[in-house]
Amino acid sequence: MIRIFHDTRETVISDAPLTDAPATDALWLDATQIREATGWDWKPQGLCRHDTCMPVPRSADQPMVDGSRLDIAAFWRFAGWPVVHDESGRVWVLGEGAANRADALITLQAPDFELPDLEGRMHRLSDLRGQRVFLSTWASW
């Protein structure tokens, strides 16, 4: 089982291949798993999201494609986006590029997220659109 965090989503992929060898920096996923984890579609012209498509580079030295699977971590690094994983290779974080985050700051709209209240009820920021919201955070450390 692999857990992938990207943008505002957490995806658990139960049928992702794992080995007993030490974790590598590769994360091999098929087209369905890529869409589920990232929202990007793997098409013949590359990885596409909305009107944007980025071609997948073909290199014999460091192949990103193996049959019907793509090393999404290698693609993420190729795009210049941050990607990290734990030592076991079971938890991955695929970050957003700085330009994407800068665009969000220009609009002054916070990304949607969900948090529990003190009684454990979940609330989404998008449910409060059009209202003034005060978010107070605290950490014990």
Protein backbone atom coordinates (compact mmCIF):
# COMPACT_ATOMS: atom_id res chain seq x y z
CA MET A 1 0.00 0.00 0.00
CA ILE A 2 1.26 3.45 -0.93
CA ARG A 3 -0.11 6.74 0.37
CA ILE A 4 0.30 9.82 -1.87
CA PHE A 5 -0.32 13.40 -0.79
CA HIS A 6 -0.80 16.00 -3.51
CA ASP A 7 -2.45 19.41 -3.46
CA THR A 8 -5.51 18.96 -1.20
CA ARG A 9 -5.88 15.21 -1.70
CA GLU A 10 -4.63 12.06 -0.04
CA THR A 11 -4.73 8.91 -2.15
CA VAL A 12 -4.17 5.34 -0.98
CA ILE A 13 -3.09 2.94 -3.70
CA SER A 14 -3.39 -0.60 -2.44
CA ASP A 15 -2.19 -2.38 -5.59
CA ALA A 16 0.97 -0.30 -6.18
CA PRO A 17 4.04 -2.55 -6.47
CA LEU A 18 6.41 -2.58 -3.51
CA THR A 19 9.63 -4.53 -3.10
CA ASP A 20 11.53 -5.61 0.00
CA ALA A 21 14.59 -3.78 -1.32
CA PRO A 22 15.38 -0.34 0.10
CA ALA A 23 13.13 2.34 -1.30
CA THR A 24 14.20 3.96 -4.52
CA ASP A 25 13.31 7.39 -5.78
CA ALA A 26 10.88 5.90 -8.32
CA LEU A 27 7.10 5.81 -7.99
CA TRP A 28 5.64 3.70 -10.81
CA LEU A 29 1.92 4.26 -11.42
CA ASP A 30 -0.48 3.47 -14.24
CA ALA A 31 -2.72 6.08 -15.89
CA THR A 32 -5.67 5.45 -13.57
CA GLN A 33 -3.51 5.72 -10.45
CA ILE A 34 -1.89 8.93 -11.73
CA ARG A 35 -5.30 10.52 -12.35
CA GLU A 36 -6.54 9.40 -8.93
CA ALA A 37 -3.47 10.71 -7.08
CA THR A 38 -2.76 13.93 -8.97
CA GLY A 39 -5.70 14.89 -11.17
CA TRP A 40 -3.41 14.74 -14.23
CA ASP A 41 -4.32 12.53 -17.20
CA TRP A 42 -1.62 10.51 -18.95
CA LYS A 43 -2.33 10.83 -22.65
CA PRO A 44 -0.22 10.08 -25.74
CA GLN A 45 0.87 13.75 -25.83
CA GLY A 46 2.01 13.67 -22.17
CA LEU A 47 0.55 14.47 -18.77
CA CYS A 48 -2.42 16.80 -19.14
CA ARG A 49 -4.49 18.83 -16.71
CA HIS A 50 -7.21 21.13 -18.02
CA ASP A 51 -5.71 22.89 -21.08
CA THR A 52 -2.10 22.20 -20.11
CA CYS A 53 -0.11 19.21 -21.41
CA MET A 54 3.52 18.45 -20.60
CA PRO A 55 5.31 15.89 -22.79
CA VAL A 56 6.91 12.93 -21.05
CA PRO A 57 10.61 12.87 -21.98
CA ARG A 58 11.92 9.64 -23.54
CA SER A 59 15.45 8.84 -22.45
CA ALA A 60 17.33 5.54 -22.61
CA ASP A 61 19.55 6.65 -19.70
CA GLN A 62 16.72 7.29 -17.24
CA PRO A 63 13.46 5.91 -18.63
CA MET A 64 10.25 7.31 -17.12
CA VAL A 65 7.96 4.88 -18.94
CA ASP A 66 7.87 1.14 -18.40
CA GLY A 67 5.08 -0.37 -20.47
CA SER A 68 1.82 0.96 -19.02
CA ARG A 69 3.47 2.60 -16.01
CA LEU A 70 5.06 6.03 -15.56
CA ASP A 71 7.60 6.97 -12.90
CA ILE A 72 5.56 9.91 -11.63
CA ALA A 73 8.32 10.92 -9.17
CA ALA A 74 10.84 11.26 -12.01
CA PHE A 75 8.33 13.27 -14.04
CA TRP A 76 7.66 15.54 -11.05
CA ARG A 77 11.39 16.19 -10.66
CA PHE A 78 11.72 16.78 -14.42
CA ALA A 79 8.99 19.45 -14.15
CA GLY A 80 10.94 21.11 -11.32
CA TRP A 81 8.34 20.33 -8.69
CA PRO A 82 9.19 19.04 -5.21
CA VAL A 83 8.75 15.33 -4.44
CA VAL A 84 9.71 13.51 -1.24
CA HIS A 85 9.06 10.10 0.30
CA ASP A 86 9.68 8.28 3.55
CA GLU A 87 12.43 5.66 3.94
CA SER A 88 10.09 2.77 3.16
CA GLY A 89 8.73 4.34 -0.06
CA ARG A 90 5.18 3.91 1.25
CA VAL A 91 4.39 7.62 1.82
CA TRP A 92 4.94 10.19 -0.93
CA VAL A 93 4.33 13.93 -1.22
CA LEU A 94 4.08 15.48 -4.68
CA GLY A 95 4.36 19.24 -4.28
CA GLU A 96 3.15 22.08 -6.44
CA GLY A 97 5.44 24.26 -8.47
CA ALA A 98 6.18 27.73 -7.11
CA ALA A 99 4.45 29.36 -10.10
CA ASN A 100 1.19 27.57 -9.27
CA ARG A 101 1.33 28.78 -5.69
CA ALA A 102 2.20 32.31 -6.82
CA ASP A 103 -0.89 32.37 -9.05
CA ALA A 104 -3.03 31.41 -6.05
CA LEU A 105 -1.57 34.27 -4.03
CA ILE A 106 -2.44 36.78 -6.74
CA THR A 107 -6.15 35.93 -6.42
CA LEU A 108 -5.93 36.07 -2.60
CA GLN A 109 -8.10 32.95 -2.42
CA ALA A 110 -6.96 30.25 -0.03
CA PRO A 111 -6.87 26.70 -1.36
CA ASP A 112 -9.78 24.58 -0.21
CA PHE A 113 -9.16 22.41 2.84
CA GLU A 114 -11.12 20.50 5.46
CA LEU A 115 -10.61 20.60 9.24
CA PRO A 116 -12.52 19.27 12.26
CA ASP A 117 -14.08 21.53 14.88
CA LEU A 118 -13.79 20.84 18.61
CA GLU A 119 -16.61 18.28 18.42
CA GLY A 120 -14.97 16.43 15.53
CA ARG A 121 -17.38 17.64 12.81
CA MET A 122 -15.59 18.29 9.52
CA HIS A 123 -15.86 21.71 7.82
CA ARG A 124 -14.61 22.71 4.35
CA LEU A 125 -13.40 26.22 3.62
CA SER A 126 -15.33 26.20 0.33
CA ASP A 127 -18.59 25.86 2.30
CA LEU A 128 -17.94 29.34 3.71
CA ARG A 129 -17.25 31.16 0.41
CA GLY A 130 -18.62 34.69 0.49
CA GLN A 131 -18.39 34.88 4.28
CA ARG A 132 -15.62 36.35 6.37
CA VAL A 133 -13.51 33.62 7.93
CA PHE A 134 -11.10 33.91 10.85
CA LEU A 135 -8.76 30.95 11.17
CA SER A 136 -6.74 30.70 14.37
CA THR A 137 -3.96 28.13 14.58
CA TRP A 138 -1.95 26.92 17.53
CA ALA A 139 0.84 24.44 18.11
CA SER A 140 2.22 23.15 21.39
CA TRP A 141 5.77 22.85 20.17
